[in-house]
Amino acid sequence: TNTRPDVQPDGIWNQLMVFLYSADAADNLFPSIHCLVSWFC
């Protein structure tokens, strides 16, 4: 796991971050599938 910042839903970018954090828990981090698949691409 890791430590995530406390994000207030102010502005579109922060709102997207709040959505991301709520949809994707802070687990299954190592190794990063995002980086794995992108490098495979």
PDB file of all heavy atoms in Angstrom:
ATOM      1  N   THR A   1       0.853  -1.185   0.000  1.00  0.00           N
ATOM      2  CA  THR A   1       0.000   0.000   0.000  1.00  0.00           C
ATOM      3  C   THR A   1       0.888   1.233   0.000  1.00  0.00           C
ATOM      4  O   THR A   1       2.120   1.123   0.024  1.00  0.00           O
ATOM      5  CB  THR A   1      -0.939   0.003   1.226  1.00  0.00           C
ATOM      6  OG1 THR A   1      -1.874   1.077   1.108  1.00  0.00           O
ATOM      7  CG2 THR A   1      -0.151   0.159   2.519  1.00  0.00           C
ATOM      8  N   ASN A   2       0.280   2.400  -0.040  1.00  0.00           N
ATOM      9  CA  ASN A   2       1.037   3.646   0.047  1.00  0.00           C
ATOM     10  C   ASN A   2       0.188   4.703   0.748  1.00  0.00           C
ATOM     11  O   ASN A   2      -0.959   4.455   1.110  1.00  0.00           O
ATOM     12  CB  ASN A   2       1.490   4.125  -1.343  1.00  0.00           C
ATOM     13  CG  ASN A   2       0.336   4.564  -2.217  1.00  0.00           C
ATOM     14  OD1 ASN A   2      -0.823   4.296  -1.919  1.00  0.00           O
ATOM     15  ND2 ASN A   2       0.637   5.230  -3.323  1.00  0.00           N
ATOM     16  N   THR A   3       0.791   5.865   0.931  1.00  0.00           N
ATOM     17  CA  THR A   3       0.090   6.967   1.593  1.00  0.00           C
ATOM     18  C   THR A   3      -0.434   7.933   0.542  1.00  0.00           C
ATOM     19  O   THR A   3       0.349   8.476  -0.238  1.00  0.00           O
ATOM     20  CB  THR A   3       1.019   7.717   2.560  1.00  0.00           C
ATOM     21  OG1 THR A   3       1.561   6.779   3.505  1.00  0.00           O
ATOM     22  CG2 THR A   3       0.265   8.804   3.298  1.00  0.00           C
ATOM     23  N   ARG A   4      -1.740   8.130   0.525  1.00  0.00           N
ATOM     24  CA  ARG A   4      -2.338   9.043  -0.444  1.00  0.00           C
ATOM     25  C   ARG A   4      -2.637  10.386   0.215  1.00  0.00           C
ATOM     26  O   ARG A   4      -2.970  10.434   1.402  1.00  0.00           O
ATOM     27  CB  ARG A   4      -3.637   8.449  -0.997  1.00  0.00           C
ATOM     28  CG  ARG A   4      -3.434   7.257  -1.899  1.00  0.00           C
ATOM     29  CD  ARG A   4      -4.771   6.672  -2.296  1.00  0.00           C
ATOM     30  NE  ARG A   4      -4.652   5.708  -3.381  1.00  0.00           N
ATOM     31  CZ  ARG A   4      -5.674   5.029  -3.892  1.00  0.00           C
ATOM     32  NH1 ARG A   4      -6.893   5.235  -3.406  1.00  0.00           N
ATOM     33  NH2 ARG A   4      -5.487   4.179  -4.866  1.00  0.00           N
ATOM     34  N   PRO A   5      -2.561  11.458  -0.565  1.00  0.00           N
ATOM     35  CA  PRO A   5      -2.889  12.773   0.001  1.00  0.00           C
ATOM     36  C   PRO A   5      -4.389  12.929   0.224  1.00  0.00           C
ATOM     37  O   PRO A   5      -5.199  12.238  -0.412  1.00  0.00           O
ATOM     38  CB  PRO A   5      -2.390  13.743  -1.077  1.00  0.00           C
ATOM     39  CG  PRO A   5      -2.471  12.960  -2.348  1.00  0.00           C
ATOM     40  CD  PRO A   5      -2.131  11.540  -1.973  1.00  0.00           C
ATOM     41  N   ASP A   6      -4.733  13.822   1.116  1.00  0.00           N
ATOM     42  CA  ASP A   6      -6.143  14.153   1.348  1.00  0.00           C
ATOM     43  C   ASP A   6      -6.556  15.174   0.296  1.00  0.00           C
ATOM     44  O   ASP A   6      -6.075  16.304   0.290  1.00  0.00           O
ATOM     45  CB  ASP A   6      -6.324  14.718   2.758  1.00  0.00           C
ATOM     46  CG  ASP A   6      -7.777  15.027   3.065  1.00  0.00           C
ATOM     47  OD1 ASP A   6      -8.655  14.431   2.409  1.00  0.00           O
ATOM     48  OD2 ASP A   6      -8.037  15.878   3.944  1.00  0.00           O
ATOM     49  N   VAL A   7      -7.436  14.779  -0.607  1.00  0.00           N
ATOM     50  CA  VAL A   7      -7.810  15.621  -1.744  1.00  0.00           C
ATOM     51  C   VAL A   7      -9.217  16.169  -1.545  1.00  0.00           C
ATOM     52  O   VAL A   7     -10.164  15.408  -1.305  1.00  0.00           O
ATOM     53  CB  VAL A   7      -7.738  14.829  -3.071  1.00  0.00           C
ATOM     54  CG1 VAL A   7      -8.057  15.748  -4.249  1.00  0.00           C
ATOM     55  CG2 VAL A   7      -6.379  14.183  -3.237  1.00  0.00           C
ATOM     56  N   GLN A   8      -9.338  17.466  -1.657  1.00  0.00           N
ATOM     57  CA  GLN A   8     -10.641  18.116  -1.606  1.00  0.00           C
ATOM     58  C   GLN A   8     -11.190  18.249  -3.025  1.00  0.00           C
ATOM     59  O   GLN A   8     -10.445  18.577  -3.947  1.00  0.00           O
ATOM     60  CB  GLN A   8     -10.539  19.494  -0.946  1.00  0.00           C
ATOM     61  CG  GLN A   8     -10.031  19.458   0.483  1.00  0.00           C
ATOM     62  CD  GLN A   8     -10.922  18.626   1.383  1.00  0.00           C
ATOM     63  OE1 GLN A   8     -12.149  18.726   1.323  1.00  0.00           O
ATOM     64  NE2 GLN A   8     -10.316  17.789   2.224  1.00  0.00           N
ATOM     65  N   PRO A   9     -12.473  18.002  -3.233  1.00  0.00           N
ATOM     66  CA  PRO A   9     -13.049  18.030  -4.587  1.00  0.00           C
ATOM     67  C   PRO A   9     -13.243  19.452  -5.124  1.00  0.00           C
ATOM     68  O   PRO A   9     -14.355  19.866  -5.445  1.00  0.00           O
ATOM     69  CB  PRO A   9     -14.388  17.308  -4.403  1.00  0.00           C
ATOM     70  CG  PRO A   9     -14.759  17.594  -2.991  1.00  0.00           C
ATOM     71  CD  PRO A   9     -13.472  17.613  -2.222  1.00  0.00           C
ATOM     72  N   ASP A  10     -12.149  20.176  -5.241  1.00  0.00           N
ATOM     73  CA  ASP A  10     -12.182  21.542  -5.770  1.00  0.00           C
ATOM     74  C   ASP A  10     -11.591  21.545  -7.175  1.00  0.00           C
ATOM     75  O   ASP A  10     -10.388  21.326  -7.339  1.00  0.00           O
ATOM     76  CB  ASP A  10     -11.384  22.495  -4.867  1.00  0.00           C
ATOM     77  CG  ASP A  10     -11.911  22.517  -3.439  1.00  0.00           C
ATOM     78  OD1 ASP A  10     -13.139  22.384  -3.259  1.00  0.00           O
ATOM     79  OD2 ASP A  10     -11.090  22.654  -2.513  1.00  0.00           O
ATOM     80  N   GLY A  11     -12.409  21.799  -8.185  1.00  0.00           N
ATOM     81  CA  GLY A  11     -11.910  21.812  -9.559  1.00  0.00           C
ATOM     82  C   GLY A  11     -11.999  20.434 -10.187  1.00  0.00           C
ATOM     83  O   GLY A  11     -12.084  19.404  -9.509  1.00  0.00           O
ATOM     84  N   ILE A  12     -11.950  20.417 -11.501  1.00  0.00           N
ATOM     85  CA  ILE A  12     -12.147  19.184 -12.256  1.00  0.00           C
ATOM     86  C   ILE A  12     -11.071  18.148 -11.978  1.00  0.00           C
ATOM     87  O   ILE A  12     -11.350  16.956 -11.847  1.00  0.00           O
ATOM     88  CB  ILE A  12     -12.231  19.495 -13.780  1.00  0.00           C
ATOM     89  CG1 ILE A  12     -12.509  18.207 -14.568  1.00  0.00           C
ATOM     90  CG2 ILE A  12     -10.960  20.167 -14.262  1.00  0.00           C
ATOM     91  CD1 ILE A  12     -13.828  17.564 -14.257  1.00  0.00           C
ATOM     92  N   TRP A  13      -9.804  18.577 -11.860  1.00  0.00           N
ATOM     93  CA  TRP A  13      -8.722  17.619 -11.665  1.00  0.00           C
ATOM     94  C   TRP A  13      -8.828  16.945 -10.305  1.00  0.00           C
ATOM     95  O   TRP A  13      -8.645  15.727 -10.184  1.00  0.00           O
ATOM     96  CB  TRP A  13      -7.365  18.295 -11.825  1.00  0.00           C
ATOM     97  CG  TRP A  13      -7.166  18.955 -13.151  1.00  0.00           C
ATOM     98  CD1 TRP A  13      -6.864  20.261 -13.388  1.00  0.00           C
ATOM     99  CD2 TRP A  13      -7.276  18.338 -14.448  1.00  0.00           C
ATOM    100  NE1 TRP A  13      -6.777  20.507 -14.741  1.00  0.00           N
ATOM    101  CE2 TRP A  13      -7.024  19.338 -15.412  1.00  0.00           C
ATOM    102  CE3 TRP A  13      -7.559  17.039 -14.883  1.00  0.00           C
ATOM    103  CZ2 TRP A  13      -7.052  19.083 -16.768  1.00  0.00           C
ATOM    104  CZ3 TRP A  13      -7.586  16.788 -16.257  1.00  0.00           C
ATOM    105  CH2 TRP A  13      -7.336  17.794 -17.182  1.00  0.00           C
ATOM    106  N   ASN A  14      -9.105  17.731  -9.278  1.00  0.00           N
ATOM    107  CA  ASN A  14      -9.274  17.154  -7.953  1.00  0.00           C
ATOM    108  C   ASN A  14     -10.487  16.237  -7.887  1.00  0.00           C
ATOM    109  O   ASN A  14     -10.473  15.201  -7.214  1.00  0.00           O
ATOM    110  CB  ASN A  14      -9.396  18.254  -6.893  1.00  0.00           C
ATOM    111  CG  ASN A  14      -8.049  18.821  -6.490  1.00  0.00           C
ATOM    112  OD1 ASN A  14      -7.050  18.606  -7.164  1.00  0.00           O
ATOM    113  ND2 ASN A  14      -8.007  19.548  -5.389  1.00  0.00           N
ATOM    114  N   GLN A  15     -11.536  16.613  -8.597  1.00  0.00           N
ATOM    115  CA  GLN A  15     -12.725  15.762  -8.624  1.00  0.00           C
ATOM    116  C   GLN A  15     -12.414  14.416  -9.279  1.00  0.00           C
ATOM    117  O   GLN A  15     -12.891  13.373  -8.821  1.00  0.00           O
ATOM    118  CB  GLN A  15     -13.857  16.476  -9.369  1.00  0.00           C
ATOM    119  CG  GLN A  15     -14.440  17.663  -8.613  1.00  0.00           C
ATOM    120  CD  GLN A  15     -15.473  18.414  -9.439  1.00  0.00           C
ATOM    121  OE1 GLN A  15     -15.885  17.967 -10.501  1.00  0.00           O
ATOM    122  NE2 GLN A  15     -15.889  19.574  -8.945  1.00  0.00           N
ATOM    123  N   LEU A  16     -11.619  14.456 -10.343  1.00  0.00           N
ATOM    124  CA  LEU A  16     -11.222  13.204 -10.992  1.00  0.00           C
ATOM    125  C   LEU A  16     -10.345  12.367 -10.063  1.00  0.00           C
ATOM    126  O   LEU A  16     -10.442  11.130 -10.044  1.00  0.00           O
ATOM    127  CB  LEU A  16     -10.479  13.495 -12.296  1.00  0.00           C
ATOM    128  CG  LEU A  16     -11.350  13.942 -13.476  1.00  0.00           C
ATOM    129  CD1 LEU A  16     -10.484  14.348 -14.652  1.00  0.00           C
ATOM    130  CD2 LEU A  16     -12.308  12.820 -13.885  1.00  0.00           C
ATOM    131  N   MET A  17      -9.487  13.040  -9.289  1.00  0.00           N
ATOM    132  CA  MET A  17      -8.645  12.312  -8.348  1.00  0.00           C
ATOM    133  C   MET A  17      -9.479  11.672  -7.243  1.00  0.00           C
ATOM    134  O   MET A  17      -9.225  10.527  -6.843  1.00  0.00           O
ATOM    135  CB  MET A  17      -7.598  13.244  -7.731  1.00  0.00           C
ATOM    136  CG  MET A  17      -6.445  13.604  -8.652  1.00  0.00           C
ATOM    137  SD  MET A  17      -5.539  12.179  -9.328  1.00  0.00           S
ATOM    138  CE  MET A  17      -5.238  11.197  -7.864  1.00  0.00           C
ATOM    139  N   VAL A  18     -10.468  12.387  -6.757  1.00  0.00           N
ATOM    140  CA  VAL A  18     -11.361  11.831  -5.739  1.00  0.00           C
ATOM    141  C   VAL A  18     -12.086  10.606  -6.290  1.00  0.00           C
ATOM    142  O   VAL A  18     -12.220   9.580  -5.608  1.00  0.00           O
ATOM    143  CB  VAL A  18     -12.375  12.889  -5.255  1.00  0.00           C
ATOM    144  CG1 VAL A  18     -13.457  12.249  -4.387  1.00  0.00           C
ATOM    145  CG2 VAL A  18     -11.664  13.990  -4.483  1.00  0.00           C
ATOM    146  N   PHE A  19     -12.535  10.713  -7.537  1.00  0.00           N
ATOM    147  CA  PHE A  19     -13.184   9.563  -8.187  1.00  0.00           C
ATOM    148  C   PHE A  19     -12.224   8.385  -8.295  1.00  0.00           C
ATOM    149  O   PHE A  19     -12.584   7.239  -7.990  1.00  0.00           O
ATOM    150  CB  PHE A  19     -13.693   9.962  -9.570  1.00  0.00           C
ATOM    151  CG  PHE A  19     -14.021   8.789 -10.452  1.00  0.00           C
ATOM    152  CD1 PHE A  19     -15.178   8.046 -10.256  1.00  0.00           C
ATOM    153  CD2 PHE A  19     -13.153   8.404 -11.473  1.00  0.00           C
ATOM    154  CE1 PHE A  19     -15.478   6.951 -11.058  1.00  0.00           C
ATOM    155  CE2 PHE A  19     -13.437   7.311 -12.269  1.00  0.00           C
ATOM    156  CZ  PHE A  19     -14.601   6.589 -12.064  1.00  0.00           C
ATOM    157  N   LEU A  20     -10.991   8.652  -8.718  1.00  0.00           N
ATOM    158  CA  LEU A  20     -10.004   7.589  -8.884  1.00  0.00           C
ATOM    159  C   LEU A  20      -9.713   6.905  -7.555  1.00  0.00           C
ATOM    160  O   LEU A  20      -9.697   5.669  -7.469  1.00  0.00           O
ATOM    161  CB  LEU A  20      -8.719   8.163  -9.474  1.00  0.00           C
ATOM    162  CG  LEU A  20      -7.545   7.185  -9.636  1.00  0.00           C
ATOM    163  CD1 LEU A  20      -7.934   6.024 -10.549  1.00  0.00           C
ATOM    164  CD2 LEU A  20      -6.317   7.912 -10.183  1.00  0.00           C
ATOM    165  N   TYR A  21      -9.494   7.694  -6.529  1.00  0.00           N
ATOM    166  CA  TYR A  21      -9.190   7.119  -5.219  1.00  0.00           C
ATOM    167  C   TYR A  21     -10.361   6.298  -4.672  1.00  0.00           C
ATOM    168  O   TYR A  21     -10.158   5.293  -3.994  1.00  0.00           O
ATOM    169  CB  TYR A  21      -8.833   8.227  -4.228  1.00  0.00           C
ATOM    170  CG  TYR A  21      -7.446   8.804  -4.405  1.00  0.00           C
ATOM    171  CD1 TYR A  21      -7.028   9.911  -3.662  1.00  0.00           C
ATOM    172  CD2 TYR A  21      -6.533   8.255  -5.301  1.00  0.00           C
ATOM    173  CE1 TYR A  21      -5.757  10.451  -3.812  1.00  0.00           C
ATOM    174  CE2 TYR A  21      -5.269   8.786  -5.471  1.00  0.00           C
ATOM    175  CZ  TYR A  21      -4.885   9.894  -4.719  1.00  0.00           C
ATOM    176  OH  TYR A  21      -3.629  10.412  -4.874  1.00  0.00           O
ATOM    177  N   SER A  22     -11.573   6.753  -4.953  1.00  0.00           N
ATOM    178  CA  SER A  22     -12.741   6.022  -4.453  1.00  0.00           C
ATOM    179  C   SER A  22     -12.961   4.721  -5.229  1.00  0.00           C
ATOM    180  O   SER A  22     -13.489   3.745  -4.683  1.00  0.00           O
ATOM    181  CB  SER A  22     -13.994   6.895  -4.547  1.00  0.00           C
ATOM    182  OG  SER A  22     -14.305   7.189  -5.910  1.00  0.00           O
ATOM    183  N   ALA A  23     -12.564   4.710  -6.491  1.00  0.00           N
ATOM    184  CA  ALA A  23     -12.783   3.535  -7.339  1.00  0.00           C
ATOM    185  C   ALA A  23     -11.645   2.526  -7.245  1.00  0.00           C
ATOM    186  O   ALA A  23     -11.837   1.340  -7.533  1.00  0.00           O
ATOM    187  CB  ALA A  23     -12.966   3.964  -8.797  1.00  0.00           C
ATOM    188  N   ASP A  24     -10.455   2.988  -6.868  1.00  0.00           N
ATOM    189  CA  ASP A  24      -9.271   2.133  -6.877  1.00  0.00           C
ATOM    190  C   ASP A  24      -8.565   2.231  -5.530  1.00  0.00           C
ATOM    191  O   ASP A  24      -7.908   3.225  -5.229  1.00  0.00           O
ATOM    192  CB  ASP A  24      -8.328   2.565  -8.000  1.00  0.00           C
ATOM    193  CG  ASP A  24      -7.243   1.537  -8.278  1.00  0.00           C
ATOM    194  OD1 ASP A  24      -7.359   0.403  -7.783  1.00  0.00           O
ATOM    195  OD2 ASP A  24      -6.277   1.873  -8.973  1.00  0.00           O
ATOM    196  N   ALA A  25      -8.712   1.201  -4.717  1.00  0.00           N
ATOM    197  CA  ALA A  25      -8.118   1.216  -3.378  1.00  0.00           C
ATOM    198  C   ALA A  25      -6.591   1.196  -3.458  1.00  0.00           C
ATOM    199  O   ALA A  25      -6.008   0.819  -4.486  1.00  0.00           O
ATOM    200  CB  ALA A  25      -8.614   0.013  -2.581  1.00  0.00           C
ATOM    201  N   ALA A  26      -5.953   1.593  -2.367  1.00  0.00           N
ATOM    202  CA  ALA A  26      -4.483   1.651  -2.323  1.00  0.00           C
ATOM    203  C   ALA A  26      -3.913   0.267  -2.020  1.00  0.00           C
ATOM    204  O   ALA A  26      -3.312   0.022  -0.962  1.00  0.00           O
ATOM    205  CB  ALA A  26      -4.039   2.676  -1.280  1.00  0.00           C
ATOM    206  N   ASP A  27      -4.111  -0.653  -2.931  1.00  0.00           N
ATOM    207  CA  ASP A  27      -3.539  -1.991  -2.803  1.00  0.00           C
ATOM    208  C   ASP A  27      -3.201  -2.513  -4.195  1.00  0.00           C
ATOM    209  O   ASP A  27      -3.390  -1.811  -5.186  1.00  0.00           O
ATOM    210  CB  ASP A  27      -4.499  -2.931  -2.062  1.00  0.00           C
ATOM    211  CG  ASP A  27      -5.878  -3.018  -2.728  1.00  0.00           C
ATOM    212  OD1 ASP A  27      -6.013  -2.592  -3.887  1.00  0.00           O
ATOM    213  OD2 ASP A  27      -6.810  -3.508  -2.074  1.00  0.00           O
ATOM    214  N   ASN A  28      -2.680  -3.746  -4.258  1.00  0.00           N
ATOM    215  CA  ASN A  28      -2.239  -4.312  -5.543  1.00  0.00           C
ATOM    216  C   ASN A  28      -1.291  -3.343  -6.260  1.00  0.00           C
ATOM    217  O   ASN A  28      -1.469  -3.055  -7.443  1.00  0.00           O
ATOM    218  CB  ASN A  28      -3.435  -4.638  -6.433  1.00  0.00           C
ATOM    219  CG  ASN A  28      -4.199  -5.856  -5.964  1.00  0.00           C
ATOM    220  OD1 ASN A  28      -3.800  -6.522  -5.016  1.00  0.00           O
ATOM    221  ND2 ASN A  28      -5.314  -6.149  -6.606  1.00  0.00           N
ATOM    222  N   LEU A  29      -0.291  -2.872  -5.528  1.00  0.00           N
ATOM    223  CA  LEU A  29       0.574  -1.824  -6.070  1.00  0.00           C
ATOM    224  C   LEU A  29       1.866  -2.353  -6.695  1.00  0.00           C
ATOM    225  O   LEU A  29       2.311  -1.837  -7.715  1.00  0.00           O
ATOM    226  CB  LEU A  29       0.914  -0.811  -4.965  1.00  0.00           C
ATOM    227  CG  LEU A  29      -0.275  -0.115  -4.291  1.00  0.00           C
ATOM    228  CD1 LEU A  29       0.226   0.953  -3.330  1.00  0.00           C
ATOM    229  CD2 LEU A  29      -1.203   0.494  -5.323  1.00  0.00           C
ATOM    230  N   PHE A  30       2.482  -3.360  -6.083  1.00  0.00           N
ATOM    231  CA  PHE A  30       3.751  -3.866  -6.614  1.00  0.00           C
ATOM    232  C   PHE A  30       3.576  -5.270  -7.165  1.00  0.00           C
ATOM    233  O   PHE A  30       3.150  -6.178  -6.459  1.00  0.00           O
ATOM    234  CB  PHE A  30       4.821  -3.896  -5.517  1.00  0.00           C
ATOM    235  CG  PHE A  30       6.128  -4.474  -6.011  1.00  0.00           C
ATOM    236  CD1 PHE A  30       7.029  -3.663  -6.688  1.00  0.00           C
ATOM    237  CD2 PHE A  30       6.442  -5.808  -5.816  1.00  0.00           C
ATOM    238  CE1 PHE A  30       8.230  -4.192  -7.160  1.00  0.00           C
ATOM    239  CE2 PHE A  30       7.635  -6.339  -6.292  1.00  0.00           C
ATOM    240  CZ  PHE A  30       8.524  -5.528  -6.960  1.00  0.00           C
ATOM    241  N   PRO A  31       3.929  -5.444  -8.447  1.00  0.00           N
ATOM    242  CA  PRO A  31       4.334  -4.432  -9.434  1.00  0.00           C
ATOM    243  C   PRO A  31       3.117  -3.721 -10.015  1.00  0.00           C
ATOM    244  O   PRO A  31       2.016  -4.248  -9.974  1.00  0.00           O
ATOM    245  CB  PRO A  31       5.048  -5.263 -10.504  1.00  0.00           C
ATOM    246  CG  PRO A  31       4.377  -6.610 -10.426  1.00  0.00           C
ATOM    247  CD  PRO A  31       3.999  -6.818  -8.985  1.00  0.00           C
ATOM    248  N   SER A  32       3.348  -2.528 -10.566  1.00  0.00           N
ATOM    249  CA  SER A  32       2.267  -1.726 -11.121  1.00  0.00           C
ATOM    250  C   SER A  32       1.772  -2.319 -12.443  1.00  0.00           C
ATOM    251  O   SER A  32       2.539  -2.410 -13.410  1.00  0.00           O
ATOM    252  CB  SER A  32       2.741  -0.294 -11.361  1.00  0.00           C
ATOM    253  OG  SER A  32       1.834   0.403 -12.198  1.00  0.00           O
ATOM    254  N   ILE A  33       0.507  -2.720 -12.476  1.00  0.00           N
ATOM    255  CA  ILE A  33      -0.064  -3.224 -13.733  1.00  0.00           C
ATOM    256  C   ILE A  33      -0.176  -2.094 -14.747  1.00  0.00           C
ATOM    257  O   ILE A  33      -0.022  -2.321 -15.958  1.00  0.00           O
ATOM    258  CB  ILE A  33      -1.427  -3.890 -13.475  1.00  0.00           C
ATOM    259  CG1 ILE A  33      -1.217  -5.260 -12.832  1.00  0.00           C
ATOM    260  CG2 ILE A  33      -2.219  -4.039 -14.771  1.00  0.00           C
ATOM    261  CD1 ILE A  33      -2.476  -6.082 -12.662  1.00  0.00           C
ATOM    262  N   HIS A  34      -0.427  -0.872 -14.293  1.00  0.00           N
ATOM    263  CA  HIS A  34      -0.468   0.261 -15.211  1.00  0.00           C
ATOM    264  C   HIS A  34       0.850   0.392 -15.973  1.00  0.00           C
ATOM    265  O   HIS A  34       0.869   0.576 -17.197  1.00  0.00           O
ATOM    266  CB  HIS A  34      -0.757   1.559 -14.447  1.00  0.00           C
ATOM    267  CG  HIS A  34      -2.105   2.139 -14.723  1.00  0.00           C
ATOM    268  ND1 HIS A  34      -3.273   1.536 -14.305  1.00  0.00           N
ATOM    269  CD2 HIS A  34      -2.492   3.265 -15.384  1.00  0.00           C
ATOM    270  CE1 HIS A  34      -4.303   2.266 -14.701  1.00  0.00           C
ATOM    271  NE2 HIS A  34      -3.859   3.313 -15.358  1.00  0.00           N
ATOM    272  N   CYS A  35       1.955   0.298 -15.250  1.00  0.00           N
ATOM    273  CA  CYS A  35       3.271   0.409 -15.884  1.00  0.00           C
ATOM    274  C   CYS A  35       3.599  -0.844 -16.680  1.00  0.00           C
ATOM    275  O   CYS A  35       4.188  -0.760 -17.767  1.00  0.00           O
ATOM    276  CB  CYS A  35       4.342   0.657 -14.822  1.00  0.00           C
ATOM    277  SG  CYS A  35       4.123   2.202 -13.913  1.00  0.00           S
ATOM    278  N   LEU A  36       3.224  -1.996 -16.158  1.00  0.00           N
ATOM    279  CA  LEU A  36       3.458  -3.259 -16.848  1.00  0.00           C
ATOM    280  C   LEU A  36       2.800  -3.271 -18.222  1.00  0.00           C
ATOM    281  O   LEU A  36       3.452  -3.535 -19.247  1.00  0.00           O
ATOM    282  CB  LEU A  36       2.912  -4.406 -15.992  1.00  0.00           C
ATOM    283  CG  LEU A  36       2.792  -5.782 -16.647  1.00  0.00           C
ATOM    284  CD1 LEU A  36       4.163  -6.382 -16.865  1.00  0.00           C
ATOM    285  CD2 LEU A  36       1.933  -6.712 -15.790  1.00  0.00           C
ATOM    286  N   VAL A  37       1.500  -2.980 -18.271  1.00  0.00           N
ATOM    287  CA  VAL A  37       0.765  -3.032 -19.532  1.00  0.00           C
ATOM    288  C   VAL A  37       1.251  -1.941 -20.491  1.00  0.00           C
ATOM    289  O   VAL A  37       1.387  -2.175 -21.694  1.00  0.00           O
ATOM    290  CB  VAL A  37      -0.748  -2.903 -19.287  1.00  0.00           C
ATOM    291  CG1 VAL A  37      -1.511  -2.887 -20.605  1.00  0.00           C
ATOM    292  CG2 VAL A  37      -1.245  -4.045 -18.414  1.00  0.00           C
ATOM    293  N   SER A  38       1.513  -0.745 -19.966  1.00  0.00           N
ATOM    294  CA  SER A  38       1.971   0.353 -20.818  1.00  0.00           C
ATOM    295  C   SER A  38       3.321   0.023 -21.438  1.00  0.00           C
ATOM    296  O   SER A  38       3.558   0.309 -22.618  1.00  0.00           O
ATOM    297  CB  SER A  38       2.060   1.648 -20.015  1.00  0.00           C
ATOM    298  OG  SER A  38       0.782   2.044 -19.567  1.00  0.00           O
ATOM    299  N   TRP A  39       4.204  -0.602 -20.656  1.00  0.00           N
ATOM    300  CA  TRP A  39       5.518  -0.967 -21.215  1.00  0.00           C
ATOM    301  C   TRP A  39       5.383  -2.107 -22.202  1.00  0.00           C
ATOM    302  O   TRP A  39       6.074  -2.150 -23.213  1.00  0.00           O
ATOM    303  CB  TRP A  39       6.489  -1.313 -20.092  1.00  0.00           C
ATOM    304  CG  TRP A  39       7.925  -1.192 -20.524  1.00  0.00           C
ATOM    305  CD1 TRP A  39       8.836  -2.188 -20.696  1.00  0.00           C
ATOM    306  CD2 TRP A  39       8.613   0.013 -20.875  1.00  0.00           C
ATOM    307  NE1 TRP A  39      10.043  -1.688 -21.126  1.00  0.00           N
ATOM    308  CE2 TRP A  39       9.933  -0.335 -21.239  1.00  0.00           C
ATOM    309  CE3 TRP A  39       8.234   1.366 -20.894  1.00  0.00           C
ATOM    310  CZ2 TRP A  39      10.877   0.611 -21.628  1.00  0.00           C
ATOM    311  CZ3 TRP A  39       9.176   2.309 -21.289  1.00  0.00           C
ATOM    312  CH2 TRP A  39      10.475   1.919 -21.649  1.00  0.00           C
ATOM    313  N   PHE A  40       4.464  -3.041 -21.933  1.00  0.00           N
ATOM    314  CA  PHE A  40       4.164  -4.089 -22.906  1.00  0.00           C
ATOM    315  C   PHE A  40       3.710  -3.477 -24.229  1.00  0.00           C
ATOM    316  O   PHE A  40       4.057  -3.970 -25.307  1.00  0.00           O
ATOM    317  CB  PHE A  40       3.058  -5.005 -22.384  1.00  0.00           C
ATOM    318  CG  PHE A  40       3.542  -6.274 -21.737  1.00  0.00           C
ATOM    319  CD1 PHE A  40       2.870  -6.801 -20.644  1.00  0.00           C
ATOM    320  CD2 PHE A  40       4.643  -6.958 -22.223  1.00  0.00           C
ATOM    321  CE1 PHE A  40       3.295  -7.981 -20.046  1.00  0.00           C
ATOM    322  CE2 PHE A  40       5.079  -8.133 -21.632  1.00  0.00           C
ATOM    323  CZ  PHE A  40       4.402  -8.646 -20.536  1.00  0.00           C
ATOM    324  N   CYS A  41       2.906  -2.399 -24.146  1.00  0.00           N
ATOM    325  CA  CYS A  41       2.404  -1.746 -25.361  1.00  0.00           C
ATOM    326  C   CYS A  41       3.541  -1.205 -26.216  1.00  0.00           C
ATOM    327  O   CYS A  41       3.421  -1.136 -27.449  1.00  0.00           O
ATOM    328  CB  CYS A  41       1.456  -0.603 -24.986  1.00  0.00           C
ATOM    329  SG  CYS A  41      -0.177  -1.149 -24.469  1.00  0.00           S
TER     330      CYS A  41
END
